[in-house]
PDB file of N, CA and C in Angstrom:
ATOM      1  N   MET A   1      25.992  -9.510 -24.208  1.00  0.00           N
ATOM      2  CA  MET A   1      26.779  -8.349 -24.514  1.00  0.00           C
ATOM      3  C   MET A   1      27.810  -8.663 -25.606  1.00  0.00           C
ATOM      4  N   LYS A   2      28.212  -9.924 -25.686  1.00  0.00           N
ATOM      5  CA  LYS A   2      29.163 -10.307 -26.726  1.00  0.00           C
ATOM      6  C   LYS A   2      28.566 -10.094 -28.110  1.00  0.00           C
ATOM      7  N   HIS A   3      27.256 -10.324 -28.234  1.00  0.00           N
ATOM      8  CA  HIS A   3      26.577 -10.133 -29.507  1.00  0.00           C
ATOM      9  C   HIS A   3      26.739  -8.690 -29.994  1.00  0.00           C
ATOM     10  N   PHE A   4      26.747  -7.737 -29.080  1.00  0.00           N
ATOM     11  CA  PHE A   4      26.889  -6.316 -29.428  1.00  0.00           C
ATOM     12  C   PHE A   4      28.344  -5.849 -29.394  1.00  0.00           C
ATOM     13  N   ARG A   5      29.254  -6.815 -29.190  1.00  0.00           N
ATOM     14  CA  ARG A   5      30.697  -6.530 -29.136  1.00  0.00           C
ATOM     15  C   ARG A   5      31.050  -5.535 -28.028  1.00  0.00           C
ATOM     16  N   VAL A   6      30.424  -5.735 -26.881  1.00  0.00           N
ATOM     17  CA  VAL A   6      30.711  -4.898 -25.721  1.00  0.00           C
ATOM     18  C   VAL A   6      31.600  -5.701 -24.774  1.00  0.00           C
ATOM     19  N   ASN A   7      32.767  -5.154 -24.454  1.00  0.00           N
ATOM     20  CA  ASN A   7      33.677  -5.809 -23.531  1.00  0.00           C
ATOM     21  C   ASN A   7      33.389  -5.305 -22.119  1.00  0.00           C
ATOM     22  N   LEU A   8      33.114  -6.229 -21.233  1.00  0.00           N
ATOM     23  CA  LEU A   8      32.856  -5.871 -19.846  1.00  0.00           C
ATOM     24  C   LEU A   8      34.112  -6.102 -19.023  1.00  0.00           C
ATOM     25  N   LYS A   9      34.470  -5.129 -18.241  1.00  0.00           N
ATOM     26  CA  LYS A   9      35.620  -5.245 -17.347  1.00  0.00           C
ATOM     27  C   LYS A   9      35.195  -4.746 -15.963  1.00  0.00           C
ATOM     28  N   PRO A  10      34.454  -5.590 -15.234  1.00  0.00           N
ATOM     29  CA  PRO A  10      34.008  -5.143 -13.920  1.00  0.00           C
ATOM     30  C   PRO A  10      35.185  -4.981 -12.974  1.00  0.00           C
ATOM     31  N   PRO A  11      35.113  -3.990 -12.079  1.00  0.00           N
ATOM     32  CA  PRO A  11      36.212  -3.811 -11.129  1.00  0.00           C
ATOM     33  C   PRO A  11      36.243  -4.949 -10.114  1.00  0.00           C
ATOM     34  N   LYS A  12      37.419  -5.238  -9.601  1.00  0.00           N
ATOM     35  CA  LYS A  12      37.534  -6.266  -8.573  1.00  0.00           C
ATOM     36  C   LYS A  12      37.003  -5.700  -7.255  1.00  0.00           C
ATOM     37  N   PRO A  13      36.244  -6.500  -6.513  1.00  0.00           N
ATOM     38  CA  PRO A  13      35.729  -6.005  -5.233  1.00  0.00           C
ATOM     39  C   PRO A  13      36.868  -5.807  -4.238  1.00  0.00           C
ATOM     40  N   GLN A  14      36.707  -4.788  -3.371  1.00  0.00           N
ATOM     41  CA  GLN A  14      37.730  -4.530  -2.356  1.00  0.00           C
ATOM     42  C   GLN A  14      37.759  -5.657  -1.334  1.00  0.00           C
ATOM     43  N   SER A  15      36.601  -6.161  -0.992  1.00  0.00           N
ATOM     44  CA  SER A  15      36.521  -7.296  -0.073  1.00  0.00           C
ATOM     45  C   SER A  15      35.197  -8.014  -0.315  1.00  0.00           C
ATOM     46  N   ILE A  16      35.164  -9.268   0.043  1.00  0.00           N
ATOM     47  CA  ILE A  16      33.953 -10.063  -0.099  1.00  0.00           C
ATOM     48  C   ILE A  16      33.504 -10.457   1.300  1.00  0.00           C
ATOM     49  N   LYS A  17      32.235 -10.164   1.599  1.00  0.00           N
ATOM     50  CA  LYS A  17      31.685 -10.459   2.917  1.00  0.00           C
ATOM     51  C   LYS A  17      30.507 -11.412   2.741  1.00  0.00           C
ATOM     52  N   GLU A  18      30.578 -12.563   3.383  1.00  0.00           N
ATOM     53  CA  GLU A  18      29.481 -13.523   3.301  1.00  0.00           C
ATOM     54  C   GLU A  18      28.335 -13.057   4.176  1.00  0.00           C
ATOM     55  N   VAL A  19      27.144 -13.057   3.612  1.00  0.00           N
ATOM     56  CA  VAL A  19      25.952 -12.663   4.340  1.00  0.00           C
ATOM     57  C   VAL A  19      24.968 -13.824   4.288  1.00  0.00           C
ATOM     58  N   ILE A  20      24.510 -14.253   5.441  1.00  0.00           N
ATOM     59  CA  ILE A  20      23.576 -15.365   5.521  1.00  0.00           C
ATOM     60  C   ILE A  20      22.259 -14.844   6.070  1.00  0.00           C
ATOM     61  N   TRP A  21      21.189 -15.051   5.319  1.00  0.00           N
ATOM     62  CA  TRP A  21      19.867 -14.609   5.742  1.00  0.00           C
ATOM     63  C   TRP A  21      19.301 -15.604   6.742  1.00  0.00           C
ATOM     64  N   SER A  22      18.761 -15.100   7.841  1.00  0.00           N
ATOM     65  CA  SER A  22      18.132 -15.945   8.855  1.00  0.00           C
ATOM     66  C   SER A  22      16.637 -15.675   8.875  1.00  0.00           C
ATOM     67  N   HIS A  23      15.842 -16.727   8.915  1.00  0.00           N
ATOM     68  CA  HIS A  23      14.395 -16.542   8.943  1.00  0.00           C
ATOM     69  C   HIS A  23      13.950 -16.186  10.363  1.00  0.00           C
ATOM     70  N   PRO A  24      12.830 -15.467  10.496  1.00  0.00           N
ATOM     71  CA  PRO A  24      12.334 -15.113  11.825  1.00  0.00           C
ATOM     72  C   PRO A  24      11.697 -16.319  12.510  1.00  0.00           C
ATOM     73  N   VAL A  25      11.454 -16.179  13.803  1.00  0.00           N
ATOM     74  CA  VAL A  25      10.782 -17.240  14.551  1.00  0.00           C
ATOM     75  C   VAL A  25       9.301 -17.259  14.190  1.00  0.00           C
ATOM     76  N   LEU A  26       8.624 -18.315  14.594  1.00  0.00           N
ATOM     77  CA  LEU A  26       7.213 -18.513  14.279  1.00  0.00           C
ATOM     78  C   LEU A  26       6.372 -17.306  14.692  1.00  0.00           C
ATOM     79  N   ASN A  27       5.469 -16.904  13.828  1.00  0.00           N
ATOM     80  CA  ASN A  27       4.538 -15.783  14.030  1.00  0.00           C
ATOM     81  C   ASN A  27       5.211 -14.410  14.017  1.00  0.00           C
ATOM     82  N   TRP A  28       6.442 -14.336  13.573  1.00  0.00           N
ATOM     83  CA  TRP A  28       7.128 -13.064  13.410  1.00  0.00           C
ATOM     84  C   TRP A  28       7.293 -12.790  11.915  1.00  0.00           C
ATOM     85  N   VAL A  29       7.466 -11.508  11.575  1.00  0.00           N
ATOM     86  CA  VAL A  29       7.722 -11.081  10.203  1.00  0.00           C
ATOM     87  C   VAL A  29       9.075 -10.394  10.187  1.00  0.00           C
ATOM     88  N   LYS A  30       9.922 -10.797   9.236  1.00  0.00           N
ATOM     89  CA  LYS A  30      11.226 -10.158   9.099  1.00  0.00           C
ATOM     90  C   LYS A  30      11.151  -9.103   8.008  1.00  0.00           C
ATOM     91  N   CYS A  31      11.670  -7.922   8.317  1.00  0.00           N
ATOM     92  CA  CYS A  31      11.680  -6.788   7.399  1.00  0.00           C
ATOM     93  C   CYS A  31      13.137  -6.457   7.090  1.00  0.00           C
ATOM     94  N   ASN A  32      13.583  -6.732   5.875  1.00  0.00           N
ATOM     95  CA  ASN A  32      14.935  -6.377   5.450  1.00  0.00           C
ATOM     96  C   ASN A  32      14.864  -5.078   4.666  1.00  0.00           C
ATOM     97  N   THR A  33      15.445  -4.016   5.232  1.00  0.00           N
ATOM     98  CA  THR A  33      15.371  -2.699   4.608  1.00  0.00           C
ATOM     99  C   THR A  33      16.741  -2.262   4.104  1.00  0.00           C
ATOM    100  N   ASP A  34      16.701  -1.323   3.163  1.00  0.00           N
ATOM    101  CA  ASP A  34      17.936  -0.717   2.673  1.00  0.00           C
ATOM    102  C   ASP A  34      17.604   0.640   2.079  1.00  0.00           C
ATOM    103  N   GLY A  35      18.580   1.500   2.095  1.00  0.00           N
ATOM    104  CA  GLY A  35      18.459   2.814   1.479  1.00  0.00           C
ATOM    105  C   GLY A  35      19.750   3.113   0.747  1.00  0.00           C
ATOM    106  N   ALA A  36      19.676   3.946  -0.269  1.00  0.00           N
ATOM    107  CA  ALA A  36      20.874   4.274  -1.042  1.00  0.00           C
ATOM    108  C   ALA A  36      20.762   5.683  -1.585  1.00  0.00           C
ATOM    109  N   SER A  37      21.917   6.292  -1.793  1.00  0.00           N
ATOM    110  CA  SER A  37      21.978   7.639  -2.332  1.00  0.00           C
ATOM    111  C   SER A  37      23.107   7.712  -3.342  1.00  0.00           C
ATOM    112  N   ASN A  38      22.840   8.291  -4.499  1.00  0.00           N
ATOM    113  CA  ASN A  38      23.857   8.490  -5.525  1.00  0.00           C
ATOM    114  C   ASN A  38      24.483   9.860  -5.281  1.00  0.00           C
ATOM    115  N   GLY A  39      25.446   9.902  -4.379  1.00  0.00           N
ATOM    116  CA  GLY A  39      26.012  11.148  -3.876  1.00  0.00           C
ATOM    117  C   GLY A  39      25.486  11.335  -2.461  1.00  0.00           C
ATOM    118  N   ASN A  40      26.052  12.253  -1.740  1.00  0.00           N
ATOM    119  CA  ASN A  40      25.623  12.441  -0.352  1.00  0.00           C
ATOM    120  C   ASN A  40      25.634  13.918   0.002  1.00  0.00           C
ATOM    121  N   PRO A  41      24.587  14.682  -0.311  1.00  0.00           N
ATOM    122  CA  PRO A  41      23.275  14.213  -0.766  1.00  0.00           C
ATOM    123  C   PRO A  41      23.254  13.931  -2.261  1.00  0.00           C
ATOM    124  N   GLY A  42      22.226  13.199  -2.662  1.00  0.00           N
ATOM    125  CA  GLY A  42      22.027  12.857  -4.059  1.00  0.00           C
ATOM    126  C   GLY A  42      20.667  12.223  -4.245  1.00  0.00           C
ATOM    127  N   ILE A  43      20.380  11.769  -5.452  1.00  0.00           N
ATOM    128  CA  ILE A  43      19.120  11.092  -5.728  1.00  0.00           C
ATOM    129  C   ILE A  43      19.088   9.817  -4.884  1.00  0.00           C
ATOM    130  N   SER A  44      18.017   9.636  -4.115  1.00  0.00           N
ATOM    131  CA  SER A  44      17.970   8.556  -3.130  1.00  0.00           C
ATOM    132  C   SER A  44      16.700   7.725  -3.246  1.00  0.00           C
ATOM    133  N   ALA A  45      16.797   6.502  -2.724  1.00  0.00           N
ATOM    134  CA  ALA A  45      15.653   5.599  -2.697  1.00  0.00           C
ATOM    135  C   ALA A  45      15.826   4.643  -1.521  1.00  0.00           C
ATOM    136  N   CYS A  46      14.731   3.988  -1.167  1.00  0.00           N
ATOM    137  CA  CYS A  46      14.778   2.987  -0.106  1.00  0.00           C
ATOM    138  C   CYS A  46      13.765   1.894  -0.427  1.00  0.00           C
ATOM    139  N   GLY A  47      13.899   0.775   0.270  1.00  0.00           N
ATOM    140  CA  GLY A  47      12.981  -0.323   0.034  1.00  0.00           C
ATOM    141  C   GLY A  47      13.042  -1.340   1.149  1.00  0.00           C
ATOM    142  N   CYS A  48      12.146  -2.323   1.065  1.00  0.00           N
ATOM    143  CA  CYS A  48      12.056  -3.344   2.093  1.00  0.00           C
ATOM    144  C   CYS A  48      11.401  -4.596   1.526  1.00  0.00           C
ATOM    145  N   LEU A  49      11.829  -5.761   2.039  1.00  0.00           N
ATOM    146  CA  LEU A  49      11.187  -7.045   1.759  1.00  0.00           C
ATOM    147  C   LEU A  49      10.664  -7.612   3.069  1.00  0.00           C
ATOM    148  N   PHE A  50       9.460  -8.191   3.033  1.00  0.00           N
ATOM    149  CA  PHE A  50       8.844  -8.796   4.211  1.00  0.00           C
ATOM    150  C   PHE A  50       8.715 -10.296   3.975  1.00  0.00           C
ATOM    151  N   ARG A  51       9.175 -11.097   4.956  1.00  0.00           N
ATOM    152  CA  ARG A  51       9.064 -12.554   4.876  1.00  0.00           C
ATOM    153  C   ARG A  51       8.638 -13.113   6.224  1.00  0.00           C
ATOM    154  N   ASN A  52       7.949 -14.265   6.179  1.00  0.00           N
ATOM    155  CA  ASN A  52       7.490 -14.903   7.416  1.00  0.00           C
ATOM    156  C   ASN A  52       8.470 -15.982   7.863  1.00  0.00           C
ATOM    157  N   ALA A  53       8.089 -16.740   8.901  1.00  0.00           N
ATOM    158  CA  ALA A  53       8.964 -17.763   9.471  1.00  0.00           C
ATOM    159  C   ALA A  53       9.257 -18.905   8.496  1.00  0.00           C
ATOM    160  N   ASN A  54       8.404 -19.091   7.482  1.00  0.00           N
ATOM    161  CA  ASN A  54       8.639 -20.109   6.450  1.00  0.00           C
ATOM    162  C   ASN A  54       9.435 -19.553   5.273  1.00  0.00           C
ATOM    163  N   SER A  55       9.944 -18.347   5.426  1.00  0.00           N
ATOM    164  CA  SER A  55      10.699 -17.632   4.383  1.00  0.00           C
ATOM    165  C   SER A  55       9.828 -17.265   3.185  1.00  0.00           C
ATOM    166  N   GLU A  56       8.512 -17.266   3.358  1.00  0.00           N
ATOM    167  CA  GLU A  56       7.591 -16.913   2.272  1.00  0.00           C
ATOM    168  C   GLU A  56       7.527 -15.391   2.116  1.00  0.00           C
ATOM    169  N   PHE A  57       7.503 -14.957   0.876  1.00  0.00           N
ATOM    170  CA  PHE A  57       7.411 -13.544   0.551  1.00  0.00           C
ATOM    171  C   PHE A  57       6.038 -13.009   0.938  1.00  0.00           C
ATOM    172  N   LEU A  58       6.001 -11.951   1.748  1.00  0.00           N
ATOM    173  CA  LEU A  58       4.739 -11.347   2.167  1.00  0.00           C
ATOM    174  C   LEU A  58       4.472 -10.015   1.479  1.00  0.00           C
ATOM    175  N   GLY A  59       5.517  -9.351   1.041  1.00  0.00           N
ATOM    176  CA  GLY A  59       5.342  -8.060   0.395  1.00  0.00           C
ATOM    177  C   GLY A  59       6.651  -7.312   0.301  1.00  0.00           C
ATOM    178  N   ALA A  60       6.602  -6.154  -0.356  1.00  0.00           N
ATOM    179  CA  ALA A  60       7.792  -5.327  -0.543  1.00  0.00           C
ATOM    180  C   ALA A  60       7.371  -3.922  -0.913  1.00  0.00           C
ATOM    181  N   PHE A  61       8.296  -3.002  -0.787  1.00  0.00           N
ATOM    182  CA  PHE A  61       8.086  -1.652  -1.312  1.00  0.00           C
ATOM    183  C   PHE A  61       9.419  -1.075  -1.751  1.00  0.00           C
ATOM    184  N   ALA A  62       9.346  -0.119  -2.653  1.00  0.00           N
ATOM    185  CA  ALA A  62      10.505   0.663  -3.083  1.00  0.00           C
ATOM    186  C   ALA A  62      10.013   2.085  -3.277  1.00  0.00           C
ATOM    187  N   ILE A  63      10.738   3.045  -2.733  1.00  0.00           N
ATOM    188  CA  ILE A  63      10.312   4.444  -2.765  1.00  0.00           C
ATOM    189  C   ILE A  63      11.452   5.319  -3.270  1.00  0.00           C
ATOM    190  N   ASN A  64      11.167   6.146  -4.251  1.00  0.00           N
ATOM    191  CA  ASN A  64      12.098   7.178  -4.688  1.00  0.00           C
ATOM    192  C   ASN A  64      11.877   8.372  -3.766  1.00  0.00           C
ATOM    193  N   ILE A  65      12.897   8.785  -3.033  1.00  0.00           N
ATOM    194  CA  ILE A  65      12.703   9.891  -2.088  1.00  0.00           C
ATOM    195  C   ILE A  65      13.369  11.184  -2.541  1.00  0.00           C
ATOM    196  N   GLY A  66      13.875  11.208  -3.768  1.00  0.00           N
ATOM    197  CA  GLY A  66      14.432  12.445  -4.311  1.00  0.00           C
ATOM    198  C   GLY A  66      15.813  12.748  -3.741  1.00  0.00           C
ATOM    199  N   LEU A  67      16.126  14.041  -3.604  1.00  0.00           N
ATOM    200  CA  LEU A  67      17.426  14.482  -3.120  1.00  0.00           C
ATOM    201  C   LEU A  67      17.509  14.276  -1.612  1.00  0.00           C
ATOM    202  N   SER A  68      18.480  13.478  -1.190  1.00  0.00           N
ATOM    203  CA  SER A  68      18.584  13.132   0.222  1.00  0.00           C
ATOM    204  C   SER A  68      19.986  12.597   0.517  1.00  0.00           C
ATOM    205  N   SER A  69      20.255  12.383   1.799  1.00  0.00           N
ATOM    206  CA  SER A  69      21.510  11.759   2.206  1.00  0.00           C
ATOM    207  C   SER A  69      21.306  10.247   2.317  1.00  0.00           C
ATOM    208  N   ALA A  70      22.402   9.510   2.349  1.00  0.00           N
ATOM    209  CA  ALA A  70      22.329   8.056   2.497  1.00  0.00           C
ATOM    210  C   ALA A  70      21.699   7.688   3.837  1.00  0.00           C
ATOM    211  N   LEU A  71      22.051   8.401   4.898  1.00  0.00           N
ATOM    212  CA  LEU A  71      21.483   8.117   6.216  1.00  0.00           C
ATOM    213  C   LEU A  71      19.980   8.325   6.222  1.00  0.00           C
ATOM    214  N   LEU A  72      19.510   9.414   5.639  1.00  0.00           N
ATOM    215  CA  LEU A  72      18.068   9.665   5.609  1.00  0.00           C
ATOM    216  C   LEU A  72      17.350   8.598   4.790  1.00  0.00           C
ATOM    217  N   ALA A  73      17.947   8.142   3.707  1.00  0.00           N
ATOM    218  CA  ALA A  73      17.339   7.072   2.905  1.00  0.00           C
ATOM    219  C   ALA A  73      17.203   5.801   3.742  1.00  0.00           C
ATOM    220  N   GLU A  74      18.223   5.457   4.512  1.00  0.00           N
ATOM    221  CA  GLU A  74      18.163   4.284   5.388  1.00  0.00           C
ATOM    222  C   GLU A  74      17.075   4.457   6.449  1.00  0.00           C
ATOM    223  N   LEU A  75      17.008   5.634   7.067  1.00  0.00           N
ATOM    224  CA  LEU A  75      16.017   5.894   8.115  1.00  0.00           C
ATOM    225  C   LEU A  75      14.594   5.851   7.574  1.00  0.00           C
ATOM    226  N   ILE A  76      14.369   6.445   6.419  1.00  0.00           N
ATOM    227  CA  ILE A  76      13.030   6.432   5.829  1.00  0.00           C
ATOM    228  C   ILE A  76      12.622   5.001   5.496  1.00  0.00           C
ATOM    229  N   GLY A  77      13.541   4.193   4.986  1.00  0.00           N
ATOM    230  CA  GLY A  77      13.242   2.792   4.706  1.00  0.00           C
ATOM    231  C   GLY A  77      12.787   2.057   5.954  1.00  0.00           C
ATOM    232  N   ALA A  78      13.484   2.265   7.065  1.00  0.00           N
ATOM    233  CA  ALA A  78      13.120   1.608   8.330  1.00  0.00           C
ATOM    234  C   ALA A  78      11.774   2.112   8.847  1.00  0.00           C
ATOM    235  N   MET A  79      11.545   3.420   8.789  1.00  0.00           N
ATOM    236  CA  MET A  79      10.292   3.984   9.292  1.00  0.00           C
ATOM    237  C   MET A  79       9.092   3.526   8.476  1.00  0.00           C
ATOM    238  N   VAL A  80       9.229   3.504   7.157  1.00  0.00           N
ATOM    239  CA  VAL A  80       8.120   3.058   6.298  1.00  0.00           C
ATOM    240  C   VAL A  80       7.858   1.568   6.529  1.00  0.00           C
ATOM    241  N   ALA A  81       8.920   0.780   6.721  1.00  0.00           N
ATOM    242  CA  ALA A  81       8.733  -0.650   6.999  1.00  0.00           C
ATOM    243  C   ALA A  81       7.911  -0.853   8.272  1.00  0.00           C
ATOM    244  N   ILE A  82       8.201  -0.076   9.299  1.00  0.00           N
ATOM    245  CA  ILE A  82       7.450  -0.170  10.555  1.00  0.00           C
ATOM    246  C   ILE A  82       5.987   0.227  10.335  1.00  0.00           C
ATOM    247  N   GLU A  83       5.755   1.285   9.573  1.00  0.00           N
ATOM    248  CA  GLU A  83       4.381   1.726   9.277  1.00  0.00           C
ATOM    249  C   GLU A  83       3.616   0.661   8.491  1.00  0.00           C
ATOM    250  N   VAL A  84       4.247   0.089   7.462  1.00  0.00           N
ATOM    251  CA  VAL A  84       3.592  -0.939   6.648  1.00  0.00           C
ATOM    252  C   VAL A  84       3.253  -2.142   7.517  1.00  0.00           C
ATOM    253  N   ALA A  85       4.203  -2.586   8.328  1.00  0.00           N
ATOM    254  CA  ALA A  85       3.970  -3.741   9.202  1.00  0.00           C
ATOM    255  C   ALA A  85       2.808  -3.470  10.164  1.00  0.00           C
ATOM    256  N   TYR A  86       2.756  -2.292  10.714  1.00  0.00           N
ATOM    257  CA  TYR A  86       1.674  -1.939  11.638  1.00  0.00           C
ATOM    258  C   TYR A  86       0.310  -2.000  10.932  1.00  0.00           C
ATOM    259  N   HIS A  87       0.229  -1.415   9.743  1.00  0.00           N
ATOM    260  CA  HIS A  87      -1.036  -1.400   9.004  1.00  0.00           C
ATOM    261  C   HIS A  87      -1.458  -2.785   8.511  1.00  0.00           C
ATOM    262  N   LYS A  88      -0.493  -3.685   8.319  1.00  0.00           N
ATOM    263  CA  LYS A  88      -0.811  -5.058   7.917  1.00  0.00           C
ATOM    264  C   LYS A  88      -1.167  -5.939   9.122  1.00  0.00           C
ATOM    265  N   GLY A  89      -1.004  -5.398  10.332  1.00  0.00           N
ATOM    266  CA  GLY A  89      -1.306  -6.169  11.532  1.00  0.00           C
ATOM    267  C   GLY A  89      -0.159  -7.067  11.964  1.00  0.00           C
ATOM    268  N   TRP A  90       1.045  -6.801  11.440  1.00  0.00           N
ATOM    269  CA  TRP A  90       2.219  -7.576  11.820  1.00  0.00           C
ATOM    270  C   TRP A  90       2.880  -6.866  12.995  1.00  0.00           C
ATOM    271  N   HIS A  91       2.536  -7.249  14.204  1.00  0.00           N
ATOM    272  CA  HIS A  91       3.021  -6.524  15.378  1.00  0.00           C
ATOM    273  C   HIS A  91       4.277  -7.130  15.988  1.00  0.00           C
ATOM    274  N   SER A  92       4.672  -8.312  15.540  1.00  0.00           N
ATOM    275  CA  SER A  92       5.934  -8.917  15.961  1.00  0.00           C
ATOM    276  C   SER A  92       6.854  -8.916  14.759  1.00  0.00           C
ATOM    277  N   ILE A  93       7.699  -7.883  14.679  1.00  0.00           N
ATOM    278  CA  ILE A  93       8.573  -7.752  13.510  1.00  0.00           C
ATOM    279  C   ILE A  93      10.039  -7.747  13.926  1.00  0.00           C
ATOM    280  N   TRP A  94      10.865  -8.232  13.016  1.00  0.00           N
ATOM    281  CA  TRP A  94      12.315  -8.209  13.160  1.00  0.00           C
ATOM    282  C   TRP A  94      12.802  -7.302  12.039  1.00  0.00           C
ATOM    283  N   LEU A  95      13.227  -6.101  12.386  1.00  0.00           N
ATOM    284  CA  LEU A  95      13.693  -5.124  11.409  1.00  0.00           C
ATOM    285  C   LEU A  95      15.199  -5.270  11.258  1.00  0.00           C
ATOM    286  N   GLU A  96      15.651  -5.493  10.015  1.00  0.00           N
ATOM    287  CA  GLU A  96      17.080  -5.670   9.767  1.00  0.00           C
ATOM    288  C   GLU A  96      17.524  -4.697   8.685  1.00  0.00           C
ATOM    289  N   THR A  97      18.614  -4.005   8.947  1.00  0.00           N
ATOM    290  CA  THR A  97      19.190  -3.060   8.001  1.00  0.00           C
ATOM    291  C   THR A  97      20.703  -3.205   8.036  1.00  0.00           C
ATOM    292  N   ASP A  98      21.384  -2.741   6.990  1.00  0.00           N
ATOM    293  CA  ASP A  98      22.848  -2.816   6.971  1.00  0.00           C
ATOM    294  C   ASP A  98      23.497  -1.542   7.514  1.00  0.00           C
ATOM    295  N   SER A  99      22.696  -0.601   7.954  1.00  0.00           N
ATOM    296  CA  SER A  99      23.232   0.661   8.466  1.00  0.00           C
ATOM    297  C   SER A  99      23.484   0.594   9.967  1.00  0.00           C
ATOM    298  N   MET A 100      24.699   0.819  10.371  1.00  0.00           N
ATOM    299  CA  MET A 100      25.038   0.829  11.792  1.00  0.00           C
ATOM    300  C   MET A 100      24.422   2.046  12.497  1.00  0.00           C
ATOM    301  N   LEU A 101      24.165   3.125  11.772  1.00  0.00           N
ATOM    302  CA  LEU A 101      23.608   4.334  12.382  1.00  0.00           C
ATOM    303  C   LEU A 101      22.101   4.215  12.631  1.00  0.00           C
ATOM    304  N   VAL A 102      21.417   3.378  11.886  1.00  0.00           N
ATOM    305  CA  VAL A 102      19.970   3.232  12.053  1.00  0.00           C
ATOM    306  C   VAL A 102      19.642   2.458  13.310  1.00  0.00           C
ATOM    307  N   TYR A 103      20.502   1.513  13.701  1.00  0.00           N
ATOM    308  CA  TYR A 103      20.257   0.750  14.915  1.00  0.00           C
ATOM    309  C   TYR A 103      20.207   1.706  16.051  1.00  0.00           C
TER     310      TYR A 103
END
C-alpha cells in the first residue's frame, strides 16, 4: 500500500480474546461454522471448515444467503454443516460456532 501512497490507520480493537483451536478425538470430524450479516438484516453469508483428529483439512463451504439476519446466517451455517457431514458419512461430528444463540 505504501507504493500507492495509501496510509492505513486501522482502528484499535476494543478487546483481544485468545482463541485456541482444539482438534477432535479419533474418528470424529470437527465442523467450525460461522455466519455474518452486513446489517441486521443485511447481505449475509455463512461457511464451515471440516477437519479430522489429525487436524487435516477435509472440506469447506461458503454460501451467500442474501438478505438475512446475523442469527439466521449462523443457523444456516450450522444446519448446512450437519447436512454436509451426514452426506459425507461423518456421523460423529463436533459442531463449533461462536454464536451463543445457536447452541
